[in-house]
């Protein structure tokens, strides 16, 4: 999991309590993995999925309409000229659901 916060002591391991506080503050859904299969609960703590094999003419609203059924979408980053896009969900469970079912 990537955080947009720097380690307060660069070069030193981050204190677990500080790490937990940062994750809780910045990713409030990181620990809400109810509904995710047990074998994935420790590994799929991501809110973004990769969507491949899209046409250069694909529009963002088409991807939004196709993937909103899995949960609330925070944003979509398009790379249609390269054939892919990233969809970021508000909750980890939504991203996991989209990954498994789409």
PDB file of N, CA and C in Angstrom:
ATOM      1  N   UNK A   1       0.837  -1.158   0.000  1.00  0.00           N
ATOM      2  CA  UNK A   1       0.000   0.000   0.000  1.00  0.00           C
ATOM      3  C   UNK A   1       0.888   1.229   0.000  1.00  0.00           C
ATOM      4  N   UNK A   2       0.589   2.169  -0.838  1.00  0.00           N
ATOM      5  CA  UNK A   2       1.359   3.395  -0.890  1.00  0.00           C
ATOM      6  C   UNK A   2       0.629   4.504  -0.150  1.00  0.00           C
ATOM      7  N   UNK A   3       1.379   5.255   0.617  1.00  0.00           N
ATOM      8  CA  UNK A   3       0.822   6.406   1.307  1.00  0.00           C
ATOM      9  C   UNK A   3       1.488   7.649   0.771  1.00  0.00           C
ATOM     10  N   UNK A   4       0.804   8.763   0.822  1.00  0.00           N
ATOM     11  CA  UNK A   4       1.379  10.020   0.372  1.00  0.00           C
ATOM     12  C   UNK A   4       2.061  10.753   1.516  1.00  0.00           C
ATOM     13  N   UNK A   5       2.412  10.056   2.553  1.00  0.00           N
ATOM     14  CA  UNK A   5       3.071  10.661   3.700  1.00  0.00           C
ATOM     15  C   UNK A   5       4.485  10.108   3.788  1.00  0.00           C
ATOM     16  N   UNK A   6       5.442  10.967   4.120  1.00  0.00           N
ATOM     17  CA  UNK A   6       6.827  10.538   4.231  1.00  0.00           C
ATOM     18  C   UNK A   6       7.088   9.966   5.612  1.00  0.00           C
ATOM     19  N   UNK A   7       8.064   9.100   5.698  1.00  0.00           N
ATOM     20  CA  UNK A   7       8.511   8.568   6.975  1.00  0.00           C
ATOM     21  C   UNK A   7       9.114   9.718   7.776  1.00  0.00           C
ATOM     22  N   UNK A   8       8.651   9.939   9.021  1.00  0.00           N
ATOM     23  CA  UNK A   8       9.185  11.048   9.800  1.00  0.00           C
ATOM     24  C   UNK A   8      10.672  10.889  10.125  1.00  0.00           C
ATOM     25  N   UNK A   9      11.184   9.664  10.059  1.00  0.00           N
ATOM     26  CA  UNK A   9      12.608   9.396  10.313  1.00  0.00           C
ATOM     27  C   UNK A   9      13.199   8.651   9.122  1.00  0.00           C
ATOM     28  N   UNK A  10      13.534   9.371   8.035  1.00  0.00           N
ATOM     29  CA  UNK A  10      14.058   8.689   6.841  1.00  0.00           C
ATOM     30  C   UNK A  10      15.267   7.819   7.161  1.00  0.00           C
ATOM     31  N   UNK A  11      15.312   6.674   6.533  1.00  0.00           N
ATOM     32  CA  UNK A  11      16.412   5.744   6.755  1.00  0.00           C
ATOM     33  C   UNK A  11      16.182   4.804   7.908  1.00  0.00           C
ATOM     34  N   UNK A  12      15.162   5.052   8.696  1.00  0.00           N
ATOM     35  CA  UNK A  12      14.831   4.205   9.841  1.00  0.00           C
ATOM     36  C   UNK A  12      13.493   3.511   9.581  1.00  0.00           C
ATOM     37  N   UNK A  13      13.340   2.292  10.098  1.00  0.00           N
ATOM     38  CA  UNK A  13      12.039   1.635   9.932  1.00  0.00           C
ATOM     39  C   UNK A  13      10.944   2.465  10.606  1.00  0.00           C
ATOM     40  N   UNK A  14       9.765   2.474  10.006  1.00  0.00           N
ATOM     41  CA  UNK A  14       8.665   3.241  10.574  1.00  0.00           C
ATOM     42  C   UNK A  14       8.060   2.483  11.744  1.00  0.00           C
ATOM     43  N   UNK A  15       7.794   3.194  12.827  1.00  0.00           N
ATOM     44  CA  UNK A  15       7.161   2.631  14.011  1.00  0.00           C
ATOM     45  C   UNK A  15       5.772   2.106  13.625  1.00  0.00           C
ATOM     46  N   UNK A  16       5.437   0.913  14.106  1.00  0.00           N
ATOM     47  CA  UNK A  16       4.149   0.302  13.747  1.00  0.00           C
ATOM     48  C   UNK A  16       2.963   1.152  14.171  1.00  0.00           C
ATOM     49  N   UNK A  17       3.045   1.799  15.322  1.00  0.00           N
ATOM     50  CA  UNK A  17       1.938   2.647  15.787  1.00  0.00           C
ATOM     51  C   UNK A  17       1.758   3.847  14.856  1.00  0.00           C
ATOM     52  N   UNK A  18       2.866   4.435  14.411  1.00  0.00           N
ATOM     53  CA  UNK A  18       2.810   5.568  13.484  1.00  0.00           C
ATOM     54  C   UNK A  18       2.236   5.113  12.149  1.00  0.00           C
ATOM     55  N   UNK A  19       2.684   3.957  11.683  1.00  0.00           N
ATOM     56  CA  UNK A  19       2.181   3.404  10.422  1.00  0.00           C
ATOM     57  C   UNK A  19       0.676   3.142  10.517  1.00  0.00           C
ATOM     58  N   UNK A  20       0.231   2.533  11.606  1.00  0.00           N
ATOM     59  CA  UNK A  20      -1.194   2.251  11.785  1.00  0.00           C
ATOM     60  C   UNK A  20      -2.003   3.541  11.804  1.00  0.00           C
ATOM     61  N   UNK A  21      -1.498   4.558  12.493  1.00  0.00           N
ATOM     62  CA  UNK A  21      -2.183   5.845  12.553  1.00  0.00           C
ATOM     63  C   UNK A  21      -2.284   6.478  11.158  1.00  0.00           C
ATOM     64  N   UNK A  22      -1.206   6.422  10.383  1.00  0.00           N
ATOM     65  CA  UNK A  22      -1.207   6.991   9.034  1.00  0.00           C
ATOM     66  C   UNK A  22      -2.189   6.259   8.126  1.00  0.00           C
ATOM     67  N   UNK A  23      -2.202   4.937   8.215  1.00  0.00           N
ATOM     68  CA  UNK A  23      -3.108   4.155   7.377  1.00  0.00           C
ATOM     69  C   UNK A  23      -4.559   4.446   7.759  1.00  0.00           C
ATOM     70  N   UNK A  24      -4.837   4.477   9.056  1.00  0.00           N
ATOM     71  CA  UNK A  24      -6.196   4.745   9.517  1.00  0.00           C
ATOM     72  C   UNK A  24      -6.661   6.130   9.085  1.00  0.00           C
ATOM     73  N   UNK A  25      -5.776   7.116   9.193  1.00  0.00           N
ATOM     74  CA  UNK A  25      -6.130   8.491   8.834  1.00  0.00           C
ATOM     75  C   UNK A  25      -6.305   8.656   7.326  1.00  0.00           C
ATOM     76  N   UNK A  26      -5.387   8.093   6.540  1.00  0.00           N
ATOM     77  CA  UNK A  26      -5.372   8.337   5.104  1.00  0.00           C
ATOM     78  C   UNK A  26      -6.138   7.316   4.285  1.00  0.00           C
ATOM     79  N   UNK A  27      -6.338   6.145   4.813  1.00  0.00           N
ATOM     80  CA  UNK A  27      -7.052   5.083   4.108  1.00  0.00           C
ATOM     81  C   UNK A  27      -8.040   4.439   5.066  1.00  0.00           C
ATOM     82  N   UNK A  28      -9.118   5.135   5.404  1.00  0.00           N
ATOM     83  CA  UNK A  28     -10.041   4.617   6.413  1.00  0.00           C
ATOM     84  C   UNK A  28     -10.681   3.286   6.051  1.00  0.00           C
ATOM     85  N   UNK A  29     -10.649   2.894   4.781  1.00  0.00           N
ATOM     86  CA  UNK A  29     -11.260   1.629   4.388  1.00  0.00           C
ATOM     87  C   UNK A  29     -10.261   0.479   4.316  1.00  0.00           C
ATOM     88  N   UNK A  30      -8.999   0.750   4.654  1.00  0.00           N
ATOM     89  CA  UNK A  30      -7.967  -0.275   4.540  1.00  0.00           C
ATOM     90  C   UNK A  30      -8.219  -1.454   5.465  1.00  0.00           C
ATOM     91  N   UNK A  31      -8.921  -1.234   6.557  1.00  0.00           N
ATOM     92  CA  UNK A  31      -9.177  -2.322   7.490  1.00  0.00           C
ATOM     93  C   UNK A  31     -10.599  -2.839   7.402  1.00  0.00           C
ATOM     94  N   UNK A  32     -11.384  -2.305   6.508  1.00  0.00           N
ATOM     95  CA  UNK A  32     -12.761  -2.740   6.315  1.00  0.00           C
ATOM     96  C   UNK A  32     -12.789  -3.701   5.139  1.00  0.00           C
ATOM     97  N   UNK A  33     -12.412  -4.939   5.390  1.00  0.00           N
ATOM     98  CA  UNK A  33     -12.327  -5.922   4.311  1.00  0.00           C
ATOM     99  C   UNK A  33     -13.411  -6.989   4.448  1.00  0.00           C
ATOM    100  N   UNK A  34     -14.515  -6.630   5.108  1.00  0.00           N
ATOM    101  CA  UNK A  34     -15.616  -7.581   5.216  1.00  0.00           C
ATOM    102  C   UNK A  34     -16.156  -7.860   3.816  1.00  0.00           C
ATOM    103  N   UNK A  35     -16.445  -9.091   3.559  1.00  0.00           N
ATOM    104  CA  UNK A  35     -16.942  -9.462   2.246  1.00  0.00           C
ATOM    105  C   UNK A  35     -15.846  -9.926   1.300  1.00  0.00           C
ATOM    106  N   UNK A  36     -14.588  -9.764   1.706  1.00  0.00           N
ATOM    107  CA  UNK A  36     -13.463 -10.211   0.888  1.00  0.00           C
ATOM    108  C   UNK A  36     -13.089 -11.620   1.355  1.00  0.00           C
ATOM    109  N   UNK A  37     -12.825 -12.510   0.426  1.00  0.00           N
ATOM    110  CA  UNK A  37     -12.454 -13.874   0.788  1.00  0.00           C
ATOM    111  C   UNK A  37     -11.244 -13.875   1.708  1.00  0.00           C
ATOM    112  N   UNK A  38     -11.221 -14.785   2.673  1.00  0.00           N
ATOM    113  CA  UNK A  38     -10.146 -14.825   3.681  1.00  0.00           C
ATOM    114  C   UNK A  38      -8.754 -14.865   3.072  1.00  0.00           C
ATOM    115  N   UNK A  39      -8.554 -15.629   2.003  1.00  0.00           N
ATOM    116  CA  UNK A  39      -7.223 -15.761   1.426  1.00  0.00           C
ATOM    117  C   UNK A  39      -6.743 -14.460   0.788  1.00  0.00           C
ATOM    118  N   UNK A  40      -7.650 -13.509   0.522  1.00  0.00           N
ATOM    119  CA  UNK A  40      -7.269 -12.241  -0.087  1.00  0.00           C
ATOM    120  C   UNK A  40      -7.163 -11.096   0.911  1.00  0.00           C
ATOM    121  N   UNK A  41      -7.649 -11.286   2.130  1.00  0.00           N
ATOM    122  CA  UNK A  41      -7.730 -10.171   3.065  1.00  0.00           C
ATOM    123  C   UNK A  41      -6.381  -9.552   3.396  1.00  0.00           C
ATOM    124  N   UNK A  42      -5.312 -10.316   3.379  1.00  0.00           N
ATOM    125  CA  UNK A  42      -4.001  -9.769   3.706  1.00  0.00           C
ATOM    126  C   UNK A  42      -3.216  -9.313   2.484  1.00  0.00           C
ATOM    127  N   UNK A  43      -3.733  -9.555   1.292  1.00  0.00           N
ATOM    128  CA  UNK A  43      -2.938  -9.221   0.113  1.00  0.00           C
ATOM    129  C   UNK A  43      -3.590  -8.213  -0.828  1.00  0.00           C
ATOM    130  N   UNK A  44      -4.910  -8.108  -0.837  1.00  0.00           N
ATOM    131  CA  UNK A  44      -5.566  -7.212  -1.783  1.00  0.00           C
ATOM    132  C   UNK A  44      -6.052  -5.933  -1.100  1.00  0.00           C
ATOM    133  N   UNK A  45      -5.141  -5.185  -0.504  1.00  0.00           N
ATOM    134  CA  UNK A  45      -5.521  -3.931   0.127  1.00  0.00           C
ATOM    135  C   UNK A  45      -5.301  -2.793  -0.852  1.00  0.00           C
ATOM    136  N   UNK A  46      -5.951  -2.886  -1.994  1.00  0.00           N
ATOM    137  CA  UNK A  46      -5.845  -1.852  -3.018  1.00  0.00           C
ATOM    138  C   UNK A  46      -7.233  -1.385  -3.396  1.00  0.00           C
ATOM    139  N   UNK A  47      -7.324  -0.140  -3.817  1.00  0.00           N
ATOM    140  CA  UNK A  47      -8.609   0.417  -4.221  1.00  0.00           C
ATOM    141  C   UNK A  47      -8.637   0.694  -5.711  1.00  0.00           C
ATOM    142  N   UNK A  48      -7.615   0.300  -6.439  1.00  0.00           N
ATOM    143  CA  UNK A  48      -7.507   0.622  -7.851  1.00  0.00           C
ATOM    144  C   UNK A  48      -7.354  -0.659  -8.660  1.00  0.00           C
ATOM    145  N   UNK A  49      -8.058  -0.722  -9.788  1.00  0.00           N
ATOM    146  CA  UNK A  49      -7.911  -1.882 -10.664  1.00  0.00           C
ATOM    147  C   UNK A  49      -7.465  -1.417 -12.042  1.00  0.00           C
ATOM    148  N   UNK A  50      -6.761  -2.296 -12.724  1.00  0.00           N
ATOM    149  CA  UNK A  50      -6.270  -2.053 -14.078  1.00  0.00           C
ATOM    150  C   UNK A  50      -7.281  -2.651 -15.043  1.00  0.00           C
ATOM    151  N   UNK A  51      -7.646  -1.892 -16.057  1.00  0.00           N
ATOM    152  CA  UNK A  51      -8.573  -2.366 -17.093  1.00  0.00           C
ATOM    153  C   UNK A  51      -7.819  -2.324 -18.410  1.00  0.00           C
ATOM    154  N   UNK A  52      -7.653  -3.468 -19.025  1.00  0.00           N
ATOM    155  CA  UNK A  52      -6.856  -3.552 -20.241  1.00  0.00           C
ATOM    156  C   UNK A  52      -7.669  -3.823 -21.482  1.00  0.00           C
ATOM    157  N   UNK A  53      -6.967  -3.766 -22.601  1.00  0.00           N
ATOM    158  CA  UNK A  53      -7.539  -4.088 -23.898  1.00  0.00           C
ATOM    159  C   UNK A  53      -8.698  -3.165 -24.267  1.00  0.00           C
ATOM    160  N   UNK A  54      -8.523  -1.861 -24.005  1.00  0.00           N
ATOM    161  CA  UNK A  54      -9.571  -0.908 -24.399  1.00  0.00           C
ATOM    162  C   UNK A  54      -9.157  -0.203 -25.688  1.00  0.00           C
ATOM    163  N   UNK A  55     -10.147   0.189 -26.434  1.00  0.00           N
ATOM    164  CA  UNK A  55      -9.933   0.858 -27.710  1.00  0.00           C
ATOM    165  C   UNK A  55      -9.509   2.316 -27.486  1.00  0.00           C
ATOM    166  N   UNK A  56      -8.699   2.874 -28.390  1.00  0.00           N
ATOM    167  CA  UNK A  56      -8.341   4.293 -28.277  1.00  0.00           C
ATOM    168  C   UNK A  56      -9.554   5.225 -28.294  1.00  0.00           C
ATOM    169  N   UNK A  57     -10.668   4.776 -28.833  1.00  0.00           N
ATOM    170  CA  UNK A  57     -11.869   5.617 -28.885  1.00  0.00           C
ATOM    171  C   UNK A  57     -12.750   5.478 -27.639  1.00  0.00           C
ATOM    172  N   UNK A  58     -12.337   4.650 -26.683  1.00  0.00           N
ATOM    173  CA  UNK A  58     -13.121   4.452 -25.466  1.00  0.00           C
ATOM    174  C   UNK A  58     -13.166   5.730 -24.642  1.00  0.00           C
ATOM    175  N   UNK A  59     -14.354   6.103 -24.203  1.00  0.00           N
ATOM    176  CA  UNK A  59     -14.519   7.300 -23.396  1.00  0.00           C
ATOM    177  C   UNK A  59     -14.626   6.938 -21.917  1.00  0.00           C
ATOM    178  N   UNK A  60     -14.245   7.879 -21.068  1.00  0.00           N
ATOM    179  CA  UNK A  60     -14.236   7.677 -19.626  1.00  0.00           C
ATOM    180  C   UNK A  60     -15.617   7.319 -19.086  1.00  0.00           C
ATOM    181  N   UNK A  61     -16.662   7.957 -19.617  1.00  0.00           N
ATOM    182  CA  UNK A  61     -18.010   7.683 -19.100  1.00  0.00           C
ATOM    183  C   UNK A  61     -18.452   6.248 -19.396  1.00  0.00           C
ATOM    184  N   UNK A  62     -17.952   5.643 -20.460  1.00  0.00           N
ATOM    185  CA  UNK A  62     -18.279   4.254 -20.770  1.00  0.00           C
ATOM    186  C   UNK A  62     -17.696   3.319 -19.707  1.00  0.00           C
ATOM    187  N   UNK A  63     -16.450   3.573 -19.322  1.00  0.00           N
ATOM    188  CA  UNK A  63     -15.817   2.769 -18.265  1.00  0.00           C
ATOM    189  C   UNK A  63     -16.539   3.000 -16.941  1.00  0.00           C
ATOM    190  N   UNK A  64     -16.876   4.256 -16.660  1.00  0.00           N
ATOM    191  CA  UNK A  64     -17.588   4.575 -15.430  1.00  0.00           C
ATOM    192  C   UNK A  64     -18.906   3.800 -15.347  1.00  0.00           C
ATOM    193  N   UNK A  65     -19.676   3.831 -16.410  1.00  0.00           N
ATOM    194  CA  UNK A  65     -20.973   3.144 -16.424  1.00  0.00           C
ATOM    195  C   UNK A  65     -20.808   1.626 -16.253  1.00  0.00           C
ATOM    196  N   UNK A  66     -19.761   1.073 -16.840  1.00  0.00           N
ATOM    197  CA  UNK A  66     -19.550  -0.373 -16.764  1.00  0.00           C
ATOM    198  C   UNK A  66     -19.079  -0.829 -15.386  1.00  0.00           C
ATOM    199  N   UNK A  67     -18.341   0.026 -14.664  1.00  0.00           N
ATOM    200  CA  UNK A  67     -17.727  -0.395 -13.411  1.00  0.00           C
ATOM    201  C   UNK A  67     -18.366   0.193 -12.155  1.00  0.00           C
ATOM    202  N   UNK A  68     -19.322   1.100 -12.295  1.00  0.00           N
ATOM    203  CA  UNK A  68     -19.954   1.693 -11.114  1.00  0.00           C
ATOM    204  C   UNK A  68     -20.820   0.692 -10.356  1.00  0.00           C
ATOM    205  N   UNK A  69     -21.197  -0.388 -10.998  1.00  0.00           N
ATOM    206  CA  UNK A  69     -22.038  -1.394 -10.331  1.00  0.00           C
ATOM    207  C   UNK A  69     -21.312  -2.091  -9.181  1.00  0.00           C
ATOM    208  N   UNK A  70     -19.978  -2.001  -9.141  1.00  0.00           N
ATOM    209  CA  UNK A  70     -19.210  -2.677  -8.095  1.00  0.00           C
ATOM    210  C   UNK A  70     -18.973  -1.795  -6.878  1.00  0.00           C
ATOM    211  N   UNK A  71     -19.235  -0.494  -6.988  1.00  0.00           N
ATOM    212  CA  UNK A  71     -19.055   0.398  -5.853  1.00  0.00           C
ATOM    213  C   UNK A  71     -18.779   1.821  -6.306  1.00  0.00           C
ATOM    214  N   UNK A  72     -18.639   2.707  -5.321  1.00  0.00           N
ATOM    215  CA  UNK A  72     -18.416   4.126  -5.600  1.00  0.00           C
ATOM    216  C   UNK A  72     -17.020   4.352  -6.176  1.00  0.00           C
ATOM    217  N   UNK A  73     -16.956   5.005  -7.328  1.00  0.00           N
ATOM    218  CA  UNK A  73     -15.690   5.258  -8.023  1.00  0.00           C
ATOM    219  C   UNK A  73     -15.185   6.648  -7.660  1.00  0.00           C
ATOM    220  N   UNK A  74     -13.918   6.717  -7.256  1.00  0.00           N
ATOM    221  CA  UNK A  74     -13.286   8.005  -6.945  1.00  0.00           C
ATOM    222  C   UNK A  74     -12.751   8.672  -8.197  1.00  0.00           C
ATOM    223  N   UNK A  75     -12.226   7.883  -9.121  1.00  0.00           N
ATOM    224  CA  UNK A  75     -11.671   8.462 -10.327  1.00  0.00           C
ATOM    225  C   UNK A  75     -11.254   7.408 -11.335  1.00  0.00           C
ATOM    226  N   UNK A  76     -11.104   7.851 -12.559  1.00  0.00           N
ATOM    227  CA  UNK A  76     -10.668   6.977 -13.646  1.00  0.00           C
ATOM    228  C   UNK A  76      -9.536   7.682 -14.371  1.00  0.00           C
ATOM    229  N   UNK A  77      -8.442   6.976 -14.536  1.00  0.00           N
ATOM    230  CA  UNK A  77      -7.301   7.524 -15.273  1.00  0.00           C
ATOM    231  C   UNK A  77      -7.173   6.746 -16.571  1.00  0.00           C
ATOM    232  N   UNK A  78      -7.327   7.461 -17.672  1.00  0.00           N
ATOM    233  CA  UNK A  78      -7.360   6.828 -18.987  1.00  0.00           C
ATOM    234  C   UNK A  78      -6.003   6.884 -19.678  1.00  0.00           C
ATOM    235  N   UNK A  79      -5.644   5.766 -20.285  1.00  0.00           N
ATOM    236  CA  UNK A  79      -4.492   5.666 -21.172  1.00  0.00           C
ATOM    237  C   UNK A  79      -4.970   4.921 -22.416  1.00  0.00           C
ATOM    238  N   UNK A  80      -6.078   5.398 -22.987  1.00  0.00           N
ATOM    239  CA  UNK A  80      -6.718   4.669 -24.079  1.00  0.00           C
ATOM    240  C   UNK A  80      -5.823   4.540 -25.310  1.00  0.00           C
ATOM    241  N   UNK A  81      -4.917   5.497 -25.515  1.00  0.00           N
ATOM    242  CA  UNK A  81      -4.008   5.370 -26.661  1.00  0.00           C
ATOM    243  C   UNK A  81      -3.047   4.204 -26.458  1.00  0.00           C
ATOM    244  N   UNK A  82      -2.868   3.805 -25.197  1.00  0.00           N
ATOM    245  CA  UNK A  82      -2.005   2.654 -24.886  1.00  0.00           C
ATOM    246  C   UNK A  82      -2.822   1.399 -24.599  1.00  0.00           C
ATOM    247  N   UNK A  83      -4.159   1.556 -24.558  1.00  0.00           N
ATOM    248  CA  UNK A  83      -5.027   0.385 -24.409  1.00  0.00           C
ATOM    249  C   UNK A  83      -5.383  -0.004 -22.992  1.00  0.00           C
ATOM    250  N   UNK A  84      -5.253   0.899 -22.012  1.00  0.00           N
ATOM    251  CA  UNK A  84      -5.633   0.543 -20.648  1.00  0.00           C
ATOM    252  C   UNK A  84      -6.092   1.768 -19.870  1.00  0.00           C
ATOM    253  N   UNK A  85      -6.678   1.476 -18.692  1.00  0.00           N
ATOM    254  CA  UNK A  85      -7.152   2.525 -17.787  1.00  0.00           C
ATOM    255  C   UNK A  85      -7.064   1.994 -16.364  1.00  0.00           C
ATOM    256  N   UNK A  86      -7.076   2.891 -15.393  1.00  0.00           N
ATOM    257  CA  UNK A  86      -7.129   2.536 -13.980  1.00  0.00           C
ATOM    258  C   UNK A  86      -8.410   3.125 -13.404  1.00  0.00           C
ATOM    259  N   UNK A  87      -9.133   2.310 -12.660  1.00  0.00           N
ATOM    260  CA  UNK A  87     -10.332   2.768 -11.968  1.00  0.00           C
ATOM    261  C   UNK A  87     -10.071   2.680 -10.482  1.00  0.00           C
ATOM    262  N   UNK A  88     -10.229   3.802  -9.777  1.00  0.00           N
ATOM    263  CA  UNK A  88      -9.988   3.846  -8.337  1.00  0.00           C
ATOM    264  C   UNK A  88     -11.322   3.914  -7.615  1.00  0.00           C
ATOM    265  N   UNK A  89     -11.529   2.937  -6.736  1.00  0.00           N
ATOM    266  CA  UNK A  89     -12.755   2.867  -5.950  1.00  0.00           C
ATOM    267  C   UNK A  89     -12.560   3.521  -4.586  1.00  0.00           C
ATOM    268  N   UNK A  90     -13.665   3.877  -3.965  1.00  0.00           N
ATOM    269  CA  UNK A  90     -13.628   4.477  -2.628  1.00  0.00           C
ATOM    270  C   UNK A  90     -13.293   3.429  -1.573  1.00  0.00           C
ATOM    271  N   UNK A  91     -13.717   2.182  -1.806  1.00  0.00           N
ATOM    272  CA  UNK A  91     -13.494   1.116  -0.821  1.00  0.00           C
ATOM    273  C   UNK A  91     -12.744  -0.050  -1.446  1.00  0.00           C
ATOM    274  N   UNK A  92     -11.934  -0.675  -0.626  1.00  0.00           N
ATOM    275  CA  UNK A  92     -11.165  -1.843  -1.044  1.00  0.00           C
ATOM    276  C   UNK A  92     -12.093  -2.967  -1.486  1.00  0.00           C
ATOM    277  N   UNK A  93     -13.169  -3.153  -0.746  1.00  0.00           N
ATOM    278  CA  UNK A  93     -14.118  -4.227  -1.067  1.00  0.00           C
ATOM    279  C   UNK A  93     -14.683  -4.048  -2.471  1.00  0.00           C
ATOM    280  N   UNK A  94     -14.945  -2.816  -2.858  1.00  0.00           N
ATOM    281  CA  UNK A  94     -15.484  -2.545  -4.211  1.00  0.00           C
ATOM    282  C   UNK A  94     -14.471  -2.909  -5.273  1.00  0.00           C
ATOM    283  N   UNK A  95     -13.211  -2.541  -5.059  1.00  0.00           N
ATOM    284  CA  UNK A  95     -12.161  -2.867  -6.029  1.00  0.00           C
ATOM    285  C   UNK A  95     -11.978  -4.377  -6.132  1.00  0.00           C
ATOM    286  N   UNK A  96     -12.030  -5.058  -4.999  1.00  0.00           N
ATOM    287  CA  UNK A  96     -11.887  -6.514  -4.999  1.00  0.00           C
ATOM    288  C   UNK A  96     -13.046  -7.157  -5.745  1.00  0.00           C
ATOM    289  N   UNK A  97     -14.242  -6.661  -5.498  1.00  0.00           N
ATOM    290  CA  UNK A  97     -15.437  -7.176  -6.191  1.00  0.00           C
ATOM    291  C   UNK A  97     -15.316  -6.983  -7.699  1.00  0.00           C
ATOM    292  N   UNK A  98     -14.890  -5.794  -8.117  1.00  0.00           N
ATOM    293  CA  UNK A  98     -14.736  -5.514  -9.547  1.00  0.00           C
ATOM    294  C   UNK A  98     -13.677  -6.420 -10.160  1.00  0.00           C
ATOM    295  N   UNK A  99     -12.576  -6.617  -9.453  1.00  0.00           N
ATOM    296  CA  UNK A  99     -11.498  -7.473  -9.942  1.00  0.00           C
ATOM    297  C   UNK A  99     -11.996  -8.911 -10.136  1.00  0.00           C
ATOM    298  N   UNK A 100     -12.749  -9.405  -9.183  1.00  0.00           N
ATOM    299  CA  UNK A 100     -13.209 -10.801  -9.225  1.00  0.00           C
ATOM    300  C   UNK A 100     -14.354 -11.003 -10.222  1.00  0.00           C
ATOM    301  N   UNK A 101     -15.207 -10.016 -10.411  1.00  0.00           N
ATOM    302  CA  UNK A 101     -16.422 -10.232 -11.191  1.00  0.00           C
ATOM    303  C   UNK A 101     -16.399  -9.633 -12.589  1.00  0.00           C
ATOM    304  N   UNK A 102     -15.547  -8.654 -12.829  1.00  0.00           N
ATOM    305  CA  UNK A 102     -15.563  -7.998 -14.146  1.00  0.00           C
ATOM    306  C   UNK A 102     -14.784  -8.793 -15.167  1.00  0.00           C
TER     307      UNK A 102
END
